[in-house]
Amino acid sequence: MTRQRDALDGAQAQIERYFTESGKSVYTNADLSAILKANRAGWHLPQGLLPTRFVEFLLAKTKLKELELTSETLWPATRYTWGSLSLFELALSFRTGSYLSHGTAVFLHALTEDLPKAIYVNAEQSIKPKPTGMLSQETVNLAFSREQRLSRAIYSVDGSTITILNGKATGRLEVGRIRGPNGELLEATKLERTLIDIVVRPAYAGGVYTVLEAYRAAREQVSVNTLVATLKKLAHVYPYHQAIGFLLERAGYESKRLAPLRKLPIHFDFYLTHGMRAKDYDPKWRLFFPKGL
């Protein structure tokens, strides 16, 4: 035990330098075990040093802090932080292969200046069989007459929430890396995918009024061709192109930019969001939307 303690004390400067230069602020137990395994020889640490002892040393002698997270519906989780905590990195630590989405991606793409208190991270489901049966006006009406179901997989931390979404399997379509506010590299949906996702689930972006503002803010950046191509690949059951076309028009996009959306067929009346009470109707896009939007 004394030999292990002496070895750790002797390597402390190297260990602290490693964490300071890593660019990460959030670690799991598995991360710390992997770091020990990869650097044991270089730091001259004995083979008998267990990961638990390594973590105990880090917590006692370095800037590493332990963070306990609780949820009403999920198992408690333990994370370790170094330096300033990035809630975005924390969100990505809960599911392997996950990525930031919806209102969180809206912020990361600078479509709003409001630092989000609700962080959304998408962990894709496994591939499911395609739905059977034909879409009808009756099924559309019924589906959108009710409030949209929301994820209850939520952790709370520092006055913010992290919501884990189980989105449809897309093979991480249009997901890439983007810099966070602290310079951290984050996995998140690209611009056009983000604009689609917030139409499909507007509640995860602050509602349809906030969605419209995001469309306005993206006007000089978005490629409508890329947006339509991505929408086709996502292959949603419902005709979200009608809602997207409506929003682009309301956001002041030039008419010629909407041409790729106008080429898509319109077979049903559709809805901008779920559970609307007072609503208006746009005959061009055959779309019901909240009155006063």
C-alpha atoms as a PDB file:
ATOM      1  CA  MET A   1       0.000   0.000   0.000  1.00  0.00           C
ATOM      2  CA  THR A   2       2.856   2.364   0.880  1.00  0.00           C
ATOM      3  CA  ARG A   3       4.565   1.528  -2.431  1.00  0.00           C
ATOM      4  CA  GLN A   4       1.378   2.349  -4.354  1.00  0.00           C
ATOM      5  CA  ARG A   5       0.928   5.616  -2.467  1.00  0.00           C
ATOM      6  CA  ASP A   6       4.526   6.650  -3.102  1.00  0.00           C
ATOM      7  CA  ALA A   7       4.211   5.801  -6.804  1.00  0.00           C
ATOM      8  CA  LEU A   8       1.030   7.853  -7.132  1.00  0.00           C
ATOM      9  CA  ASP A   9       2.568  10.794  -5.268  1.00  0.00           C
ATOM     10  CA  GLY A  10       5.596  10.622  -7.561  1.00  0.00           C
ATOM     11  CA  ALA A  11       3.412  10.629 -10.668  1.00  0.00           C
ATOM     12  CA  GLN A  12       0.966  13.296  -9.457  1.00  0.00           C
ATOM     13  CA  ALA A  13       2.372  16.101 -11.610  1.00  0.00           C
ATOM     14  CA  GLN A  14       2.188  13.932 -14.753  1.00  0.00           C
ATOM     15  CA  ILE A  15      -1.326  12.756 -13.900  1.00  0.00           C
ATOM     16  CA  GLU A  16      -2.582  16.312 -13.346  1.00  0.00           C
ATOM     17  CA  ARG A  17      -0.969  17.449 -16.580  1.00  0.00           C
ATOM     18  CA  TYR A  18      -2.729  14.637 -18.439  1.00  0.00           C
ATOM     19  CA  PHE A  19      -6.182  15.668 -17.199  1.00  0.00           C
ATOM     20  CA  THR A  20      -5.531  19.378 -17.699  1.00  0.00           C
ATOM     21  CA  GLU A  21      -4.436  18.830 -21.306  1.00  0.00           C
ATOM     22  CA  SER A  22      -7.087  16.220 -22.181  1.00  0.00           C
ATOM     23  CA  GLY A  23      -9.728  18.784 -23.141  1.00  0.00           C
ATOM     24  CA  LYS A  24     -12.400  16.789 -21.286  1.00  0.00           C
ATOM     25  CA  SER A  25     -14.330  17.805 -18.198  1.00  0.00           C
ATOM     26  CA  VAL A  26     -16.425  14.668 -17.549  1.00  0.00           C
ATOM     27  CA  TYR A  27     -15.305  11.084 -16.906  1.00  0.00           C
ATOM     28  CA  THR A  28     -16.989   7.803 -16.057  1.00  0.00           C
ATOM     29  CA  ASN A  29     -15.506   5.028 -13.933  1.00  0.00           C
ATOM     30  CA  ALA A  30     -14.776   3.172 -17.166  1.00  0.00           C
ATOM     31  CA  ASP A  31     -12.929   6.216 -18.538  1.00  0.00           C
ATOM     32  CA  LEU A  32     -10.715   6.443 -15.469  1.00  0.00           C
ATOM     33  CA  SER A  33      -9.956   2.714 -15.578  1.00  0.00           C
ATOM     34  CA  ALA A  34      -8.965   3.019 -19.246  1.00  0.00           C
ATOM     35  CA  ILE A  35      -6.732   6.010 -18.467  1.00  0.00           C
ATOM     36  CA  LEU A  36      -4.957   4.058 -15.753  1.00  0.00           C
ATOM     37  CA  LYS A  37      -4.453   1.068 -18.060  1.00  0.00           C
ATOM     38  CA  ALA A  38      -3.089   3.206 -20.915  1.00  0.00           C
ATOM     39  CA  ASN A  39      -0.712   5.249 -18.756  1.00  0.00           C
ATOM     40  CA  ARG A  40       0.317   2.823 -15.988  1.00  0.00           C
ATOM     41  CA  ALA A  41       3.751   2.093 -17.486  1.00  0.00           C
ATOM     42  CA  GLY A  42       4.504   5.694 -18.437  1.00  0.00           C
ATOM     43  CA  TRP A  43       3.588   6.910 -14.968  1.00  0.00           C
ATOM     44  CA  HIS A  44       5.545   4.039 -13.336  1.00  0.00           C
ATOM     45  CA  LEU A  45       2.559   2.807 -11.372  1.00  0.00           C
ATOM     46  CA  PRO A  46       2.596  -0.765  -9.984  1.00  0.00           C
ATOM     47  CA  GLN A  47       0.576  -3.496 -11.696  1.00  0.00           C
ATOM     48  CA  GLY A  48      -1.274  -4.190  -8.473  1.00  0.00           C
ATOM     49  CA  LEU A  49      -2.791  -0.690  -8.332  1.00  0.00           C
ATOM     50  CA  LEU A  50      -6.548  -1.113  -8.749  1.00  0.00           C
ATOM     51  CA  PRO A  51      -8.756   1.450 -10.536  1.00  0.00           C
ATOM     52  CA  THR A  52     -10.672   2.075  -7.291  1.00  0.00           C
ATOM     53  CA  ARG A  53      -7.440   3.066  -5.513  1.00  0.00           C
ATOM     54  CA  PHE A  54      -6.487   5.282  -8.475  1.00  0.00           C
ATOM     55  CA  VAL A  55      -9.843   7.074  -8.260  1.00  0.00           C
ATOM     56  CA  GLU A  56      -9.506   7.495  -4.491  1.00  0.00           C
ATOM     57  CA  PHE A  57      -6.112   9.128  -5.028  1.00  0.00           C
ATOM     58  CA  LEU A  58      -7.472  11.466  -7.715  1.00  0.00           C
ATOM     59  CA  LEU A  59     -10.326  12.593  -5.478  1.00  0.00           C
ATOM     60  CA  ALA A  60      -8.063  13.123  -2.462  1.00  0.00           C
ATOM     61  CA  LYS A  61      -5.035  14.734  -4.099  1.00  0.00           C
ATOM     62  CA  THR A  62      -6.135  16.396  -7.380  1.00  0.00           C
ATOM     63  CA  LYS A  63      -8.885  18.648  -8.781  1.00  0.00           C
ATOM     64  CA  LEU A  64     -11.061  15.684  -9.746  1.00  0.00           C
ATOM     65  CA  LYS A  65     -14.529  15.926  -8.183  1.00  0.00           C
ATOM     66  CA  GLU A  66     -17.245  13.312  -7.797  1.00  0.00           C
ATOM     67  CA  LEU A  67     -20.741  14.114  -9.054  1.00  0.00           C
ATOM     68  CA  GLU A  68     -23.751  12.038  -8.012  1.00  0.00           C
ATOM     69  CA  LEU A  69     -26.795  12.267 -10.279  1.00  0.00           C
ATOM     70  CA  THR A  70     -30.324  11.167  -9.487  1.00  0.00           C
ATOM     71  CA  SER A  71     -33.477  10.712 -11.523  1.00  0.00           C
ATOM     72  CA  GLU A  72     -37.090   9.793 -10.823  1.00  0.00           C
ATOM     73  CA  THR A  73     -37.025   7.132 -13.545  1.00  0.00           C
ATOM     74  CA  LEU A  74     -33.366   6.155 -14.061  1.00  0.00           C
ATOM     75  CA  TRP A  75     -30.707   4.530 -11.911  1.00  0.00           C
ATOM     76  CA  PRO A  76     -28.439   6.949 -10.004  1.00  0.00           C
ATOM     77  CA  ALA A  77     -25.238   7.740 -11.884  1.00  0.00           C
ATOM     78  CA  THR A  78     -21.749   8.750 -10.779  1.00  0.00           C
ATOM     79  CA  ARG A  79     -19.543  10.999 -12.858  1.00  0.00           C
ATOM     80  CA  TYR A  80     -16.194  12.665 -12.239  1.00  0.00           C
ATOM     81  CA  THR A  81     -15.390  16.210 -13.292  1.00  0.00           C
ATOM     82  CA  TRP A  82     -12.167  18.087 -13.911  1.00  0.00           C
ATOM     83  CA  GLY A  83     -12.259  21.875 -14.040  1.00  0.00           C
ATOM     84  CA  SER A  84     -15.371  23.681 -15.279  1.00  0.00           C
ATOM     85  CA  LEU A  85     -18.249  21.261 -15.790  1.00  0.00           C
ATOM     86  CA  SER A  86     -19.677  21.083 -19.302  1.00  0.00           C
ATOM     87  CA  LEU A  87     -23.319  20.007 -19.059  1.00  0.00           C
ATOM     88  CA  PHE A  88     -23.093  19.094 -22.740  1.00  0.00           C
ATOM     89  CA  GLU A  89     -20.242  16.646 -22.110  1.00  0.00           C
ATOM     90  CA  LEU A  90     -22.112  15.345 -19.083  1.00  0.00           C
ATOM     91  CA  ALA A  91     -25.187  14.645 -21.238  1.00  0.00           C
ATOM     92  CA  LEU A  92     -23.102  12.734 -23.776  1.00  0.00           C
ATOM     93  CA  SER A  93     -21.605  10.532 -21.043  1.00  0.00           C
ATOM     94  CA  PHE A  94     -24.848   8.636 -20.348  1.00  0.00           C
ATOM     95  CA  ARG A  95     -25.125   6.623 -23.576  1.00  0.00           C
ATOM     96  CA  THR A  96     -22.397   5.428 -25.926  1.00  0.00           C
ATOM     97  CA  GLY A  97     -22.855   6.845 -29.417  1.00  0.00           C
ATOM     98  CA  SER A  98     -25.342   9.494 -28.305  1.00  0.00           C
ATOM     99  CA  TYR A  99     -25.443  13.032 -29.646  1.00  0.00           C
ATOM    100  CA  LEU A 100     -26.914  16.393 -28.682  1.00  0.00           C
ATOM    101  CA  SER A 101     -30.095  17.316 -30.493  1.00  0.00           C
ATOM    102  CA  HIS A 102     -33.242  19.452 -30.690  1.00  0.00           C
ATOM    103  CA  GLY A 103     -33.107  22.642 -28.606  1.00  0.00           C
ATOM    104  CA  THR A 104     -29.554  21.902 -27.476  1.00  0.00           C
ATOM    105  CA  ALA A 105     -28.360  21.706 -31.085  1.00  0.00           C
ATOM    106  CA  VAL A 106     -30.303  24.917 -31.815  1.00  0.00           C
ATOM    107  CA  PHE A 107     -28.118  26.660 -29.224  1.00  0.00           C
ATOM    108  CA  LEU A 108     -24.888  25.065 -30.437  1.00  0.00           C
ATOM    109  CA  HIS A 109     -25.632  26.267 -33.994  1.00  0.00           C
ATOM    110  CA  ALA A 110     -26.084  29.804 -32.599  1.00  0.00           C
ATOM    111  CA  LEU A 111     -29.756  29.985 -33.604  1.00  0.00           C
ATOM    112  CA  THR A 112     -30.567  31.321 -30.138  1.00  0.00           C
ATOM    113  CA  GLU A 113     -28.533  33.240 -27.584  1.00  0.00           C
ATOM    114  CA  ASP A 114     -30.339  31.746 -24.596  1.00  0.00           C
ATOM    115  CA  LEU A 115     -28.159  29.245 -22.743  1.00  0.00           C
ATOM    116  CA  PRO A 116     -30.441  26.219 -22.418  1.00  0.00           C
ATOM    117  CA  LYS A 117     -31.495  24.943 -19.005  1.00  0.00           C
ATOM    118  CA  ALA A 118     -32.841  21.787 -20.642  1.00  0.00           C
ATOM    119  CA  ILE A 119     -30.222  19.645 -22.408  1.00  0.00           C
ATOM    120  CA  TYR A 120     -31.385  16.995 -24.900  1.00  0.00           C
ATOM    121  CA  VAL A 121     -29.253  14.022 -25.879  1.00  0.00           C
ATOM    122  CA  ASN A 122     -30.383  11.432 -28.419  1.00  0.00           C
ATOM    123  CA  ALA A 123     -29.524   7.760 -27.957  1.00  0.00           C
ATOM    124  CA  GLU A 124     -30.847   5.962 -31.021  1.00  0.00           C
ATOM    125  CA  GLN A 125     -33.004   2.859 -30.715  1.00  0.00           C
ATOM    126  CA  SER A 126     -32.178  -0.355 -32.498  1.00  0.00           C
ATOM    127  CA  ILE A 127     -33.629  -0.800 -35.977  1.00  0.00           C
ATOM    128  CA  LYS A 128     -37.352  -1.543 -35.823  1.00  0.00           C
ATOM    129  CA  PRO A 129     -39.633  -3.031 -38.509  1.00  0.00           C
ATOM    130  CA  LYS A 130     -41.344  -0.446 -40.682  1.00  0.00           C
ATOM    131  CA  PRO A 131     -44.920   0.370 -39.612  1.00  0.00           C
ATOM    132  CA  THR A 132     -47.581  -1.562 -41.462  1.00  0.00           C
ATOM    133  CA  GLY A 133     -50.780  -0.053 -42.775  1.00  0.00           C
ATOM    134  CA  MET A 134     -51.498   3.001 -44.857  1.00  0.00           C
ATOM    135  CA  LEU A 135     -51.571   6.530 -43.494  1.00  0.00           C
ATOM    136  CA  SER A 136     -55.024   8.097 -43.608  1.00  0.00           C
ATOM    137  CA  GLN A 137     -56.511  11.458 -42.724  1.00  0.00           C
ATOM    138  CA  GLU A 138     -58.235   9.837 -39.771  1.00  0.00           C
ATOM    139  CA  THR A 139     -54.985   8.457 -38.313  1.00  0.00           C
ATOM    140  CA  VAL A 140     -53.250  11.816 -38.787  1.00  0.00           C
ATOM    141  CA  ASN A 141     -56.112  13.652 -37.087  1.00  0.00           C
ATOM    142  CA  LEU A 142     -56.165  11.241 -34.171  1.00  0.00           C
ATOM    143  CA  ALA A 143     -52.403  11.274 -33.624  1.00  0.00           C
ATOM    144  CA  PHE A 144     -52.157  15.066 -33.544  1.00  0.00           C
ATOM    145  CA  SER A 145     -55.307  15.657 -31.506  1.00  0.00           C
ATOM    146  CA  ARG A 146     -53.440  14.415 -28.427  1.00  0.00           C
ATOM    147  CA  GLU A 147     -50.471  15.897 -26.612  1.00  0.00           C
ATOM    148  CA  GLN A 148     -47.137  14.523 -27.758  1.00  0.00           C
ATOM    149  CA  ARG A 149     -45.504  12.015 -25.432  1.00  0.00           C
ATOM    150  CA  LEU A 150     -42.353  13.297 -23.735  1.00  0.00           C
ATOM    151  CA  SER A 151     -39.356  11.420 -22.385  1.00  0.00           C
ATOM    152  CA  ARG A 152     -39.245  10.975 -18.612  1.00  0.00           C
ATOM    153  CA  ALA A 153     -35.610   9.841 -18.664  1.00  0.00           C
ATOM    154  CA  ILE A 154     -34.322  12.966 -16.958  1.00  0.00           C
ATOM    155  CA  TYR A 155     -31.382  13.775 -14.701  1.00  0.00           C
ATOM    156  CA  SER A 156     -31.231  17.054 -12.759  1.00  0.00           C
ATOM    157  CA  VAL A 157     -27.972  18.889 -12.103  1.00  0.00           C
ATOM    158  CA  ASP A 158     -27.100  22.438 -11.043  1.00  0.00           C
ATOM    159  CA  GLY A 159     -30.580  23.795 -11.812  1.00  0.00           C
ATOM    160  CA  SER A 160     -30.604  22.242 -15.297  1.00  0.00           C
ATOM    161  CA  THR A 161     -32.053  19.032 -16.682  1.00  0.00           C
ATOM    162  CA  ILE A 162     -30.600  16.429 -19.020  1.00  0.00           C
ATOM    163  CA  THR A 163     -33.236  14.504 -20.975  1.00  0.00           C
ATOM    164  CA  ILE A 164     -32.252  11.287 -22.731  1.00  0.00           C
ATOM    165  CA  LEU A 165     -34.258  10.682 -25.898  1.00  0.00           C
ATOM    166  CA  ASN A 166     -34.597   7.314 -27.591  1.00  0.00           C
ATOM    167  CA  GLY A 167     -34.865   8.505 -31.169  1.00  0.00           C
ATOM    168  CA  LYS A 168     -35.480   6.325 -34.201  1.00  0.00           C
ATOM    169  CA  ALA A 169     -32.533   4.457 -35.682  1.00  0.00           C
ATOM    170  CA  THR A 170     -30.906   6.664 -38.329  1.00  0.00           C
ATOM    171  CA  GLY A 171     -27.301   5.462 -38.290  1.00  0.00           C
ATOM    172  CA  ARG A 172     -26.408   8.868 -36.787  1.00  0.00           C
ATOM    173  CA  LEU A 173     -27.561  10.582 -39.966  1.00  0.00           C
ATOM    174  CA  GLU A 174     -26.219  14.141 -40.280  1.00  0.00           C
ATOM    175  CA  VAL A 175     -24.411  14.050 -36.953  1.00  0.00           C
ATOM    176  CA  GLY A 176     -21.053  15.741 -36.598  1.00  0.00           C
ATOM    177  CA  ARG A 177     -18.725  17.549 -34.218  1.00  0.00           C
ATOM    178  CA  ILE A 178     -19.255  21.098 -33.091  1.00  0.00           C
ATOM    179  CA  ARG A 179     -17.489  23.349 -30.579  1.00  0.00           C
ATOM    180  CA  GLY A 180     -19.299  24.042 -27.331  1.00  0.00           C
ATOM    181  CA  PRO A 181     -19.194  27.342 -25.417  1.00  0.00           C
ATOM    182  CA  ASN A 182     -16.079  26.225 -23.505  1.00  0.00           C
ATOM    183  CA  GLY A 183     -14.317  25.076 -26.659  1.00  0.00           C
ATOM    184  CA  GLU A 184     -15.173  21.428 -26.014  1.00  0.00           C
ATOM    185  CA  LEU A 185     -15.770  19.159 -29.016  1.00  0.00           C
ATOM    186  CA  LEU A 186     -19.315  17.793 -28.949  1.00  0.00           C
ATOM    187  CA  GLU A 187     -21.293  15.321 -31.029  1.00  0.00           C
ATOM    188  CA  ALA A 188     -24.484  17.000 -32.262  1.00  0.00           C
ATOM    189  CA  THR A 189     -26.927  17.038 -35.149  1.00  0.00           C
ATOM    190  CA  LYS A 190     -25.897  19.223 -38.069  1.00  0.00           C
ATOM    191  CA  LEU A 191     -27.935  22.296 -38.955  1.00  0.00           C
ATOM    192  CA  GLU A 192     -30.432  20.813 -41.411  1.00  0.00           C
ATOM    193  CA  ARG A 193     -31.038  17.701 -39.285  1.00  0.00           C
ATOM    194  CA  THR A 194     -31.599  19.964 -36.288  1.00  0.00           C
ATOM    195  CA  LEU A 195     -34.230  21.999 -38.135  1.00  0.00           C
ATOM    196  CA  ILE A 196     -36.077  18.790 -39.027  1.00  0.00           C
ATOM    197  CA  ASP A 197     -35.897  17.330 -35.522  1.00  0.00           C
ATOM    198  CA  ILE A 198     -37.383  20.412 -33.866  1.00  0.00           C
ATOM    199  CA  VAL A 199     -40.358  20.249 -36.227  1.00  0.00           C
ATOM    200  CA  VAL A 200     -40.918  16.581 -35.379  1.00  0.00           C
ATOM    201  CA  ARG A 201     -40.567  17.255 -31.622  1.00  0.00           C
ATOM    202  CA  PRO A 202     -41.132  20.996 -31.066  1.00  0.00           C
ATOM    203  CA  ALA A 203     -41.567  20.510 -27.290  1.00  0.00           C
ATOM    204  CA  TYR A 204     -37.850  19.649 -27.106  1.00  0.00           C
ATOM    205  CA  ALA A 205     -37.014  23.064 -28.552  1.00  0.00           C
ATOM    206  CA  GLY A 206     -39.290  25.261 -26.470  1.00  0.00           C
ATOM    207  CA  GLY A 207     -42.417  25.011 -28.646  1.00  0.00           C
ATOM    208  CA  VAL A 208     -43.441  26.088 -32.150  1.00  0.00           C
ATOM    209  CA  TYR A 209     -42.827  29.801 -31.562  1.00  0.00           C
ATOM    210  CA  THR A 210     -39.204  29.073 -30.652  1.00  0.00           C
ATOM    211  CA  VAL A 211     -38.949  26.726 -33.638  1.00  0.00           C
ATOM    212  CA  LEU A 212     -40.074  29.534 -35.951  1.00  0.00           C
ATOM    213  CA  GLU A 213     -37.430  31.836 -34.465  1.00  0.00           C
ATOM    214  CA  ALA A 214     -34.765  29.192 -35.094  1.00  0.00           C
ATOM    215  CA  TYR A 215     -35.858  28.965 -38.739  1.00  0.00           C
ATOM    216  CA  ARG A 216     -35.536  32.736 -39.032  1.00  0.00           C
ATOM    217  CA  ALA A 217     -32.071  32.700 -37.457  1.00  0.00           C
ATOM    218  CA  ALA A 218     -30.930  29.942 -39.859  1.00  0.00           C
ATOM    219  CA  ARG A 219     -32.095  31.740 -43.001  1.00  0.00           C
ATOM    220  CA  GLU A 220     -28.623  32.676 -44.252  1.00  0.00           C
ATOM    221  CA  GLN A 221     -27.019  29.338 -43.358  1.00  0.00           C
ATOM    222  CA  VAL A 222     -29.394  26.533 -44.253  1.00  0.00           C
ATOM    223  CA  SER A 223     -29.331  24.550 -47.495  1.00  0.00           C
ATOM    224  CA  VAL A 224     -32.926  23.675 -48.358  1.00  0.00           C
ATOM    225  CA  ASN A 225     -31.687  20.973 -50.736  1.00  0.00           C
ATOM    226  CA  THR A 226     -29.724  19.336 -47.918  1.00  0.00           C
ATOM    227  CA  LEU A 227     -32.711  19.708 -45.620  1.00  0.00           C
ATOM    228  CA  VAL A 228     -35.021  17.938 -48.089  1.00  0.00           C
ATOM    229  CA  ALA A 229     -32.473  15.209 -48.821  1.00  0.00           C
ATOM    230  CA  THR A 230     -32.051  14.579 -45.093  1.00  0.00           C
ATOM    231  CA  LEU A 231     -35.815  14.535 -44.557  1.00  0.00           C
ATOM    232  CA  LYS A 232     -36.210  11.889 -47.254  1.00  0.00           C
ATOM    233  CA  LYS A 233     -33.513   9.721 -45.667  1.00  0.00           C
ATOM    234  CA  LEU A 234     -35.154  10.003 -42.251  1.00  0.00           C
ATOM    235  CA  ALA A 235     -38.334   8.602 -43.818  1.00  0.00           C
ATOM    236  CA  HIS A 236     -40.767   9.789 -41.182  1.00  0.00           C
ATOM    237  CA  VAL A 237     -44.274   8.373 -41.364  1.00  0.00           C
ATOM    238  CA  TYR A 238     -45.957  11.774 -41.219  1.00  0.00           C
ATOM    239  CA  PRO A 239     -45.632  14.490 -43.908  1.00  0.00           C
ATOM    240  CA  TYR A 240     -43.387  16.882 -42.041  1.00  0.00           C
ATOM    241  CA  HIS A 241     -42.394  18.557 -45.299  1.00  0.00           C
ATOM    242  CA  GLN A 242     -45.674  20.480 -45.092  1.00  0.00           C
ATOM    243  CA  ALA A 243     -44.772  21.883 -41.679  1.00  0.00           C
ATOM    244  CA  ILE A 244     -41.217  22.665 -42.805  1.00  0.00           C
ATOM    245  CA  GLY A 245     -42.401  24.449 -45.945  1.00  0.00           C
ATOM    246  CA  PHE A 246     -44.846  26.497 -43.884  1.00  0.00           C
ATOM    247  CA  LEU A 247     -42.136  27.498 -41.406  1.00  0.00           C
ATOM    248  CA  LEU A 248     -39.646  28.421 -44.123  1.00  0.00           C
ATOM    249  CA  GLU A 249     -42.270  30.633 -45.722  1.00  0.00           C
ATOM    250  CA  ARG A 250     -43.247  32.229 -42.412  1.00  0.00           C
ATOM    251  CA  ALA A 251     -39.564  32.781 -41.621  1.00  0.00           C
ATOM    252  CA  GLY A 252     -39.156  34.871 -44.770  1.00  0.00           C
ATOM    253  CA  TYR A 253     -37.259  32.519 -47.071  1.00  0.00           C
ATOM    254  CA  GLU A 254     -37.351  33.466 -50.744  1.00  0.00           C
ATOM    255  CA  SER A 255     -40.030  31.649 -52.719  1.00  0.00           C
ATOM    256  CA  LYS A 256     -37.535  30.018 -55.088  1.00  0.00           C
ATOM    257  CA  ARG A 257     -35.740  28.385 -52.123  1.00  0.00           C
ATOM    258  CA  LEU A 258     -38.943  26.528 -51.257  1.00  0.00           C
ATOM    259  CA  ALA A 259     -39.160  24.823 -54.668  1.00  0.00           C
ATOM    260  CA  PRO A 260     -37.691  21.454 -53.482  1.00  0.00           C
ATOM    261  CA  LEU A 261     -40.420  21.226 -50.829  1.00  0.00           C
ATOM    262  CA  ARG A 262     -43.214  22.207 -53.194  1.00  0.00           C
ATOM    263  CA  LYS A 263     -42.267  19.296 -55.429  1.00  0.00           C
ATOM    264  CA  LEU A 264     -43.124  16.826 -52.655  1.00  0.00           C
ATOM    265  CA  PRO A 265     -46.684  15.479 -52.770  1.00  0.00           C
ATOM    266  CA  ILE A 266     -49.359  16.644 -50.339  1.00  0.00           C
ATOM    267  CA  HIS A 267     -52.036  14.034 -49.637  1.00  0.00           C
ATOM    268  CA  PHE A 268     -53.374  15.032 -46.219  1.00  0.00           C
ATOM    269  CA  ASP A 269     -54.172  17.960 -44.005  1.00  0.00           C
ATOM    270  CA  PHE A 270     -51.388  18.126 -41.435  1.00  0.00           C
ATOM    271  CA  TYR A 271     -50.586  19.814 -38.112  1.00  0.00           C
ATOM    272  CA  LEU A 272     -47.700  21.996 -36.962  1.00  0.00           C
ATOM    273  CA  THR A 273     -47.893  20.576 -33.461  1.00  0.00           C
ATOM    274  CA  HIS A 274     -49.909  18.249 -31.252  1.00  0.00           C
ATOM    275  CA  GLY A 275     -52.908  19.071 -29.126  1.00  0.00           C
ATOM    276  CA  MET A 276     -53.805  22.454 -30.599  1.00  0.00           C
ATOM    277  CA  ARG A 277     -57.061  24.000 -29.384  1.00  0.00           C
ATOM    278  CA  ALA A 278     -57.388  27.326 -31.232  1.00  0.00           C
ATOM    279  CA  LYS A 279     -55.917  26.955 -34.717  1.00  0.00           C
ATOM    280  CA  ASP A 280     -55.735  28.504 -38.177  1.00  0.00           C
ATOM    281  CA  TYR A 281     -55.281  26.779 -41.536  1.00  0.00           C
ATOM    282  CA  ASP A 282     -52.855  27.415 -44.383  1.00  0.00           C
ATOM    283  CA  PRO A 283     -54.410  26.029 -47.597  1.00  0.00           C
ATOM    284  CA  LYS A 284     -51.133  26.206 -49.540  1.00  0.00           C
ATOM    285  CA  TRP A 285     -49.407  23.728 -47.222  1.00  0.00           C
ATOM    286  CA  ARG A 286     -52.667  22.157 -46.016  1.00  0.00           C
ATOM    287  CA  LEU A 287     -51.467  22.793 -42.492  1.00  0.00           C
ATOM    288  CA  PHE A 288     -53.185  23.614 -39.206  1.00  0.00           C
ATOM    289  CA  PHE A 289     -51.120  25.878 -36.927  1.00  0.00           C
ATOM    290  CA  PRO A 290     -51.709  27.669 -33.605  1.00  0.00           C
ATOM    291  CA  LYS A 291     -53.911  30.725 -33.936  1.00  0.00           C
ATOM    292  CA  GLY A 292     -51.855  33.891 -33.875  1.00  0.00           C
ATOM    293  CA  LEU A 293     -48.545  32.317 -34.972  1.00  0.00           C
END
